[in-house]
Structure formats: C-alpha cells, structure tokens
Amino acid sequence: MGSTRDLLVVGKITAAHGIKGWIKVYSYTAEPEQLFDYTPLFLQRKSGCDRVEFVHWQRQGKGLIAQVKGCKDRNQAEL
C-alpha cells in the first residue's frame, strides 16, 4: 500500500459501543451506510495502517455501529 497521503478518508471510529466489541462509526459518505460498500477499508493508527473488515453493522439512532472482524469485547474495541 502507498503512503497515508494516498488514503481517501470515508469515515472515522468515534467510540466503543457496548461490551461485545462494537464501535460507533461516523461516515463522511453522502448516505452513511455507503461507507460499508468501500473495500478494502483501512484503519489508520499511529503505527501505520491496518486492513479492517466489518462483519456486522447497523443504524443506531442517527449514527452507525459496527463490529470489526475478530473484535469480541469492549477492551479490543477501545484499542
């Protein structure tokens, strides 16, 4: 993958949600659910970028919540 300058930002993770590893997601796309149509998706961290795959997602009020593949509890979600 190229440098972080080559990334198109389509959303951000805002917080952990619940105890089962779900996260709150803010989408920058015109229709929020369209965020999940983009693949592959990468999570930018201080240490670099990691590919991320969402296994479940749903609307929650005015926002979105999702579960990242392999993320099973709140502690993992907070990382």
PDB file of N, CA and C in Angstrom:
ATOM      1  N   MET A   1       0.846  -1.172   0.000  1.00  0.00           N
ATOM      2  CA  MET A   1       0.000   0.000   0.000  1.00  0.00           C
ATOM      3  C   MET A   1       0.887   1.229   0.000  1.00  0.00           C
ATOM      4  N   GLY A   2       0.412   2.322  -0.542  1.00  0.00           N
ATOM      5  CA  GLY A   2       1.155   3.570  -0.590  1.00  0.00           C
ATOM      6  C   GLY A   2       1.181   4.261   0.756  1.00  0.00           C
ATOM      7  N   SER A   3       1.639   5.474   0.731  1.00  0.00           N
ATOM      8  CA  SER A   3       1.716   6.252   1.964  1.00  0.00           C
ATOM      9  C   SER A   3       0.315   6.671   2.404  1.00  0.00           C
ATOM     10  N   THR A   4       0.246   7.245   3.606  1.00  0.00           N
ATOM     11  CA  THR A   4      -1.056   7.691   4.112  1.00  0.00           C
ATOM     12  C   THR A   4      -1.606   8.833   3.279  1.00  0.00           C
ATOM     13  N   ARG A   5      -0.757   9.495   2.470  1.00  0.00           N
ATOM     14  CA  ARG A   5      -1.258  10.539   1.575  1.00  0.00           C
ATOM     15  C   ARG A   5      -2.174   9.956   0.512  1.00  0.00           C
ATOM     16  N   ASP A   6      -2.057   8.655   0.247  1.00  0.00           N
ATOM     17  CA  ASP A   6      -2.850   8.004  -0.789  1.00  0.00           C
ATOM     18  C   ASP A   6      -4.217   7.541  -0.294  1.00  0.00           C
ATOM     19  N   LEU A   7      -4.516   7.754   0.966  1.00  0.00           N
ATOM     20  CA  LEU A   7      -5.774   7.284   1.532  1.00  0.00           C
ATOM     21  C   LEU A   7      -6.893   8.288   1.303  1.00  0.00           C
ATOM     22  N   LEU A   8      -8.071   7.770   1.053  1.00  0.00           N
ATOM     23  CA  LEU A   8      -9.281   8.576   0.974  1.00  0.00           C
ATOM     24  C   LEU A   8     -10.059   8.307   2.261  1.00  0.00           C
ATOM     25  N   VAL A   9     -10.265   9.313   3.062  1.00  0.00           N
ATOM     26  CA  VAL A   9     -10.939   9.138   4.343  1.00  0.00           C
ATOM     27  C   VAL A   9     -12.448   9.153   4.110  1.00  0.00           C
ATOM     28  N   VAL A  10     -13.121   8.041   4.471  1.00  0.00           N
ATOM     29  CA  VAL A  10     -14.567   7.923   4.268  1.00  0.00           C
ATOM     30  C   VAL A  10     -15.334   7.868   5.583  1.00  0.00           C
ATOM     31  N   GLY A  11     -14.611   7.847   6.703  1.00  0.00           N
ATOM     32  CA  GLY A  11     -15.278   7.816   7.994  1.00  0.00           C
ATOM     33  C   GLY A  11     -14.277   7.750   9.115  1.00  0.00           C
ATOM     34  N   LYS A  12     -14.799   7.693  10.345  1.00  0.00           N
ATOM     35  CA  LYS A  12     -13.917   7.564  11.498  1.00  0.00           C
ATOM     36  C   LYS A  12     -14.625   6.806  12.609  1.00  0.00           C
ATOM     37  N   ILE A  13     -13.842   6.168  13.432  1.00  0.00           N
ATOM     38  CA  ILE A  13     -14.355   5.486  14.613  1.00  0.00           C
ATOM     39  C   ILE A  13     -14.384   6.512  15.731  1.00  0.00           C
ATOM     40  N   THR A  14     -15.528   6.634  16.391  1.00  0.00           N
ATOM     41  CA  THR A  14     -15.653   7.660  17.422  1.00  0.00           C
ATOM     42  C   THR A  14     -15.602   7.124  18.845  1.00  0.00           C
ATOM     43  N   ALA A  15     -15.997   5.862  19.064  1.00  0.00           N
ATOM     44  CA  ALA A  15     -16.004   5.317  20.427  1.00  0.00           C
ATOM     45  C   ALA A  15     -16.325   3.827  20.384  1.00  0.00           C
ATOM     46  N   ALA A  16     -16.067   3.166  21.502  1.00  0.00           N
ATOM     47  CA  ALA A  16     -16.524   1.792  21.675  1.00  0.00           C
ATOM     48  C   ALA A  16     -18.018   1.839  21.987  1.00  0.00           C
ATOM     49  N   HIS A  17     -18.721   0.750  21.672  1.00  0.00           N
ATOM     50  CA  HIS A  17     -20.162   0.688  21.910  1.00  0.00           C
ATOM     51  C   HIS A  17     -20.501  -0.660  22.541  1.00  0.00           C
ATOM     52  N   GLY A  18     -20.991  -0.635  23.750  1.00  0.00           N
ATOM     53  CA  GLY A  18     -21.397  -1.868  24.417  1.00  0.00           C
ATOM     54  C   GLY A  18     -20.216  -2.711  24.869  1.00  0.00           C
ATOM     55  N   ILE A  19     -20.496  -3.978  25.210  1.00  0.00           N
ATOM     56  CA  ILE A  19     -19.469  -4.868  25.756  1.00  0.00           C
ATOM     57  C   ILE A  19     -19.060  -5.984  24.796  1.00  0.00           C
ATOM     58  N   LYS A  20     -19.674  -6.047  23.625  1.00  0.00           N
ATOM     59  CA  LYS A  20     -19.414  -7.156  22.708  1.00  0.00           C
ATOM     60  C   LYS A  20     -18.498  -6.783  21.542  1.00  0.00           C
ATOM     61  N   GLY A  21     -17.730  -5.703  21.692  1.00  0.00           N
ATOM     62  CA  GLY A  21     -16.738  -5.360  20.686  1.00  0.00           C
ATOM     63  C   GLY A  21     -17.226  -4.487  19.550  1.00  0.00           C
ATOM     64  N   TRP A  22     -18.381  -3.880  19.694  1.00  0.00           N
ATOM     65  CA  TRP A  22     -18.903  -2.994  18.654  1.00  0.00           C
ATOM     66  C   TRP A  22     -18.304  -1.596  18.824  1.00  0.00           C
ATOM     67  N   ILE A  23     -18.311  -0.822  17.744  1.00  0.00           N
ATOM     68  CA  ILE A  23     -17.788   0.543  17.751  1.00  0.00           C
ATOM     69  C   ILE A  23     -18.796   1.489  17.119  1.00  0.00           C
ATOM     70  N   LYS A  24     -18.715   2.759  17.510  1.00  0.00           N
ATOM     71  CA  LYS A  24     -19.516   3.791  16.858  1.00  0.00           C
ATOM     72  C   LYS A  24     -18.703   4.308  15.678  1.00  0.00           C
ATOM     73  N   VAL A  25     -19.378   4.486  14.545  1.00  0.00           N
ATOM     74  CA  VAL A  25     -18.704   4.909  13.322  1.00  0.00           C
ATOM     75  C   VAL A  25     -19.387   6.159  12.787  1.00  0.00           C
ATOM     76  N   TYR A  26     -18.583   7.153  12.414  1.00  0.00           N
ATOM     77  CA  TYR A  26     -19.104   8.352  11.768  1.00  0.00           C
ATOM     78  C   TYR A  26     -18.713   8.279  10.296  1.00  0.00           C
ATOM     79  N   SER A  27     -19.691   8.327   9.419  1.00  0.00           N
ATOM     80  CA  SER A  27     -19.460   8.211   7.978  1.00  0.00           C
ATOM     81  C   SER A  27     -19.438   9.578   7.311  1.00  0.00           C
ATOM     82  N   TYR A  28     -18.476   9.775   6.416  1.00  0.00           N
ATOM     83  CA  TYR A  28     -18.407  11.005   5.627  1.00  0.00           C
ATOM     84  C   TYR A  28     -19.094  10.855   4.270  1.00  0.00           C
ATOM     85  N   THR A  29     -19.663   9.676   3.990  1.00  0.00           N
ATOM     86  CA  THR A  29     -20.300   9.446   2.698  1.00  0.00           C
ATOM     87  C   THR A  29     -21.684  10.104   2.655  1.00  0.00           C
ATOM     88  N   ALA A  30     -22.187  10.374   1.446  1.00  0.00           N
ATOM     89  CA  ALA A  30     -23.481  11.045   1.270  1.00  0.00           C
ATOM     90  C   ALA A  30     -24.598  10.289   1.995  1.00  0.00           C
ATOM     91  N   GLU A  31     -24.664   9.013   1.800  1.00  0.00           N
ATOM     92  CA  GLU A  31     -25.572   8.136   2.546  1.00  0.00           C
ATOM     93  C   GLU A  31     -24.690   7.354   3.517  1.00  0.00           C
ATOM     94  N   PRO A  32     -24.859   7.518   4.823  1.00  0.00           N
ATOM     95  CA  PRO A  32     -23.933   6.924   5.789  1.00  0.00           C
ATOM     96  C   PRO A  32     -23.642   5.438   5.586  1.00  0.00           C
ATOM     97  N   GLU A  33     -24.655   4.659   5.230  1.00  0.00           N
ATOM     98  CA  GLU A  33     -24.464   3.216   5.057  1.00  0.00           C
ATOM     99  C   GLU A  33     -23.514   2.883   3.906  1.00  0.00           C
ATOM    100  N   GLN A  34     -23.315   3.816   2.979  1.00  0.00           N
ATOM    101  CA  GLN A  34     -22.434   3.573   1.838  1.00  0.00           C
ATOM    102  C   GLN A  34     -20.986   3.362   2.274  1.00  0.00           C
ATOM    103  N   LEU A  35     -20.634   3.797   3.446  1.00  0.00           N
ATOM    104  CA  LEU A  35     -19.293   3.583   3.968  1.00  0.00           C
ATOM    105  C   LEU A  35     -18.905   2.116   3.849  1.00  0.00           C
ATOM    106  N   PHE A  36     -19.841   1.230   4.137  1.00  0.00           N
ATOM    107  CA  PHE A  36     -19.550  -0.203   4.161  1.00  0.00           C
ATOM    108  C   PHE A  36     -19.471  -0.822   2.768  1.00  0.00           C
ATOM    109  N   ASP A  37     -19.776  -0.049   1.727  1.00  0.00           N
ATOM    110  CA  ASP A  37     -19.633  -0.521   0.350  1.00  0.00           C
ATOM    111  C   ASP A  37     -18.194  -0.396  -0.140  1.00  0.00           C
ATOM    112  N   TYR A  38     -17.392   0.420   0.537  1.00  0.00           N
ATOM    113  CA  TYR A  38     -16.000   0.602   0.141  1.00  0.00           C
ATOM    114  C   TYR A  38     -15.159  -0.556   0.658  1.00  0.00           C
ATOM    115  N   THR A  39     -14.383  -1.148  -0.241  1.00  0.00           N
ATOM    116  CA  THR A  39     -13.469  -2.216   0.165  1.00  0.00           C
ATOM    117  C   THR A  39     -12.216  -2.139  -0.695  1.00  0.00           C
ATOM    118  N   PRO A  40     -11.081  -2.452  -0.174  1.00  0.00           N
ATOM    119  CA  PRO A  40     -10.858  -2.702   1.247  1.00  0.00           C
ATOM    120  C   PRO A  40     -10.854  -1.401   2.022  1.00  0.00           C
ATOM    121  N   LEU A  41     -11.107  -1.516   3.313  1.00  0.00           N
ATOM    122  CA  LEU A  41     -11.034  -0.372   4.225  1.00  0.00           C
ATOM    123  C   LEU A  41      -9.802  -0.538   5.113  1.00  0.00           C
ATOM    124  N   PHE A  42      -9.192   0.578   5.453  1.00  0.00           N
ATOM    125  CA  PHE A  42      -8.008   0.552   6.307  1.00  0.00           C
ATOM    126  C   PHE A  42      -8.224   1.460   7.499  1.00  0.00           C
ATOM    127  N   LEU A  43      -7.676   1.051   8.627  1.00  0.00           N
ATOM    128  CA  LEU A  43      -7.731   1.828   9.855  1.00  0.00           C
ATOM    129  C   LEU A  43      -6.370   2.463  10.049  1.00  0.00           C
ATOM    130  N   GLN A  44      -6.336   3.781  10.064  1.00  0.00           N
ATOM    131  CA  GLN A  44      -5.077   4.490  10.241  1.00  0.00           C
ATOM    132  C   GLN A  44      -4.785   4.637  11.724  1.00  0.00           C
ATOM    133  N   ARG A  45      -3.607   4.182  12.117  1.00  0.00           N
ATOM    134  CA  ARG A  45      -3.152   4.291  13.504  1.00  0.00           C
ATOM    135  C   ARG A  45      -1.814   5.008  13.517  1.00  0.00           C
ATOM    136  N   LYS A  46      -1.331   5.348  14.688  1.00  0.00           N
ATOM    137  CA  LYS A  46      -0.013   5.987  14.792  1.00  0.00           C
ATOM    138  C   LYS A  46       1.082   5.095  14.222  1.00  0.00           C
ATOM    139  N   SER A  47       0.919   3.776  14.377  1.00  0.00           N
ATOM    140  CA  SER A  47       1.930   2.817  13.923  1.00  0.00           C
ATOM    141  C   SER A  47       1.806   2.482  12.437  1.00  0.00           C
ATOM    142  N   GLY A  48       0.793   2.980  11.760  1.00  0.00           N
ATOM    143  CA  GLY A  48       0.590   2.681  10.345  1.00  0.00           C
ATOM    144  C   GLY A  48      -0.870   2.371  10.066  1.00  0.00           C
ATOM    145  N   CYS A  49      -1.107   1.684   8.952  1.00  0.00           N
ATOM    146  CA  CYS A  49      -2.473   1.351   8.546  1.00  0.00           C
ATOM    147  C   CYS A  49      -2.684  -0.154   8.582  1.00  0.00           C
ATOM    148  N   ASP A  50      -3.843  -0.559   9.075  1.00  0.00           N
ATOM    149  CA  ASP A  50      -4.233  -1.963   9.115  1.00  0.00           C
ATOM    150  C   ASP A  50      -5.520  -2.137   8.338  1.00  0.00           C
ATOM    151  N   ARG A  51      -5.597  -3.205   7.567  1.00  0.00           N
ATOM    152  CA  ARG A  51      -6.841  -3.514   6.861  1.00  0.00           C
ATOM    153  C   ARG A  51      -7.901  -3.892   7.892  1.00  0.00           C
ATOM    154  N   VAL A  52      -9.112  -3.435   7.692  1.00  0.00           N
ATOM    155  CA  VAL A  52     -10.201  -3.709   8.636  1.00  0.00           C
ATOM    156  C   VAL A  52     -11.391  -4.262   7.856  1.00  0.00           C
ATOM    157  N   GLU A  53     -12.031  -5.259   8.443  1.00  0.00           N
ATOM    158  CA  GLU A  53     -13.221  -5.861   7.826  1.00  0.00           C
ATOM    159  C   GLU A  53     -14.348  -5.831   8.842  1.00  0.00           C
ATOM    160  N   PHE A  54     -15.474  -5.280   8.437  1.00  0.00           N
ATOM    161  CA  PHE A  54     -16.649  -5.244   9.303  1.00  0.00           C
ATOM    162  C   PHE A  54     -17.495  -6.482   9.045  1.00  0.00           C
ATOM    163  N   VAL A  55     -17.863  -7.188  10.115  1.00  0.00           N
ATOM    164  CA  VAL A  55     -18.685  -8.393   9.959  1.00  0.00           C
ATOM    165  C   VAL A  55     -20.164  -8.101  10.186  1.00  0.00           C
ATOM    166  N   HIS A  56     -20.456  -7.066  10.957  1.00  0.00           N
ATOM    167  CA  HIS A  56     -21.835  -6.646  11.200  1.00  0.00           C
ATOM    168  C   HIS A  56     -21.856  -5.128  11.299  1.00  0.00           C
ATOM    169  N   TRP A  57     -22.950  -4.541  10.873  1.00  0.00           N
ATOM    170  CA  TRP A  57     -23.160  -3.110  11.078  1.00  0.00           C
ATOM    171  C   TRP A  57     -24.651  -2.839  11.067  1.00  0.00           C
ATOM    172  N   GLN A  58     -25.023  -1.726  11.674  1.00  0.00           N
ATOM    173  CA  GLN A  58     -26.436  -1.337  11.682  1.00  0.00           C
ATOM    174  C   GLN A  58     -26.553   0.134  12.037  1.00  0.00           C
ATOM    175  N   ARG A  59     -27.697   0.695  11.718  1.00  0.00           N
ATOM    176  CA  ARG A  59     -28.018   2.061  12.131  1.00  0.00           C
ATOM    177  C   ARG A  59     -28.302   2.044  13.622  1.00  0.00           C
ATOM    178  N   GLN A  60     -27.877   3.087  14.303  1.00  0.00           N
ATOM    179  CA  GLN A  60     -28.147   3.240  15.731  1.00  0.00           C
ATOM    180  C   GLN A  60     -28.493   4.701  15.949  1.00  0.00           C
ATOM    181  N   GLY A  61     -29.781   5.002  16.055  1.00  0.00           N
ATOM    182  CA  GLY A  61     -30.204   6.393  16.149  1.00  0.00           C
ATOM    183  C   GLY A  61     -29.843   7.119  14.863  1.00  0.00           C
ATOM    184  N   LYS A  62     -29.113   8.230  14.970  1.00  0.00           N
ATOM    185  CA  LYS A  62     -28.690   8.980  13.791  1.00  0.00           C
ATOM    186  C   LYS A  62     -27.342   8.521  13.261  1.00  0.00           C
ATOM    187  N   GLY A  63     -26.714   7.553  13.940  1.00  0.00           N
ATOM    188  CA  GLY A  63     -25.383   7.110  13.547  1.00  0.00           C
ATOM    189  C   GLY A  63     -25.335   5.653  13.144  1.00  0.00           C
ATOM    190  N   LEU A  64     -24.126   5.129  13.145  1.00  0.00           N
ATOM    191  CA  LEU A  64     -23.881   3.739  12.776  1.00  0.00           C
ATOM    192  C   LEU A  64     -23.059   3.069  13.865  1.00  0.00           C
ATOM    193  N   ILE A  65     -23.293   1.778  14.055  1.00  0.00           N
ATOM    194  CA  ILE A  65     -22.421   0.968  14.884  1.00  0.00           C
ATOM    195  C   ILE A  65     -21.993  -0.226  14.055  1.00  0.00           C
ATOM    196  N   ALA A  66     -20.830  -0.779  14.382  1.00  0.00           N
ATOM    197  CA  ALA A  66     -20.304  -1.891  13.601  1.00  0.00           C
ATOM    198  C   ALA A  66     -19.414  -2.764  14.471  1.00  0.00           C
ATOM    199  N   GLN A  67     -19.197  -3.996  13.996  1.00  0.00           N
ATOM    200  CA  GLN A  67     -18.271  -4.896  14.671  1.00  0.00           C
ATOM    201  C   GLN A  67     -17.172  -5.271  13.687  1.00  0.00           C
ATOM    202  N   VAL A  68     -15.938  -5.073  14.117  1.00  0.00           N
ATOM    203  CA  VAL A  68     -14.768  -5.416  13.313  1.00  0.00           C
ATOM    204  C   VAL A  68     -14.501  -6.907  13.476  1.00  0.00           C
ATOM    205  N   LYS A  69     -14.160  -7.564  12.381  1.00  0.00           N
ATOM    206  CA  LYS A  69     -13.848  -8.990  12.413  1.00  0.00           C
ATOM    207  C   LYS A  69     -12.757  -9.251  13.452  1.00  0.00           C
ATOM    208  N   GLY A  70     -13.007 -10.192  14.349  1.00  0.00           N
ATOM    209  CA  GLY A  70     -12.052 -10.569  15.377  1.00  0.00           C
ATOM    210  C   GLY A  70     -12.152  -9.755  16.655  1.00  0.00           C
ATOM    211  N   CYS A  71     -12.969  -8.730  16.668  1.00  0.00           N
ATOM    212  CA  CYS A  71     -13.126  -7.879  17.851  1.00  0.00           C
ATOM    213  C   CYS A  71     -14.311  -8.411  18.656  1.00  0.00           C
ATOM    214  N   LYS A  72     -14.038  -8.984  19.815  1.00  0.00           N
ATOM    215  CA  LYS A  72     -15.088  -9.673  20.574  1.00  0.00           C
ATOM    216  C   LYS A  72     -15.515  -8.990  21.862  1.00  0.00           C
ATOM    217  N   ASP A  73     -14.731  -7.994  22.341  1.00  0.00           N
ATOM    218  CA  ASP A  73     -15.123  -7.352  23.587  1.00  0.00           C
ATOM    219  C   ASP A  73     -14.763  -5.868  23.577  1.00  0.00           C
ATOM    220  N   ARG A  74     -15.239  -5.159  24.573  1.00  0.00           N
ATOM    221  CA  ARG A  74     -15.045  -3.708  24.639  1.00  0.00           C
ATOM    222  C   ARG A  74     -13.572  -3.326  24.696  1.00  0.00           C
ATOM    223  N   ASN A  75     -12.761  -4.098  25.426  1.00  0.00           N
ATOM    224  CA  ASN A  75     -11.334  -3.770  25.528  1.00  0.00           C
ATOM    225  C   ASN A  75     -10.678  -3.757  24.149  1.00  0.00           C
ATOM    226  N   GLN A  76     -10.990  -4.738  23.315  1.00  0.00           N
ATOM    227  CA  GLN A  76     -10.444  -4.774  21.962  1.00  0.00           C
ATOM    228  C   GLN A  76     -10.974  -3.601  21.149  1.00  0.00           C
ATOM    229  N   ALA A  77     -12.247  -3.285  21.306  1.00  0.00           N
ATOM    230  CA  ALA A  77     -12.853  -2.177  20.557  1.00  0.00           C
ATOM    231  C   ALA A  77     -12.209  -0.846  20.921  1.00  0.00           C
ATOM    232  N   GLU A  78     -11.859  -0.673  22.176  1.00  0.00           N
ATOM    233  CA  GLU A  78     -11.244   0.583  22.611  1.00  0.00           C
ATOM    234  C   GLU A  78      -9.847   0.768  22.032  1.00  0.00           C
ATOM    235  N   LEU A  79      -9.173  -0.325  21.709  1.00  0.00           N
ATOM    236  CA  LEU A  79      -7.840  -0.208  21.096  1.00  0.00           C
ATOM    237  C   LEU A  79      -7.938   0.340  19.699  1.00  0.00           C
TER     238      LEU A  79
END
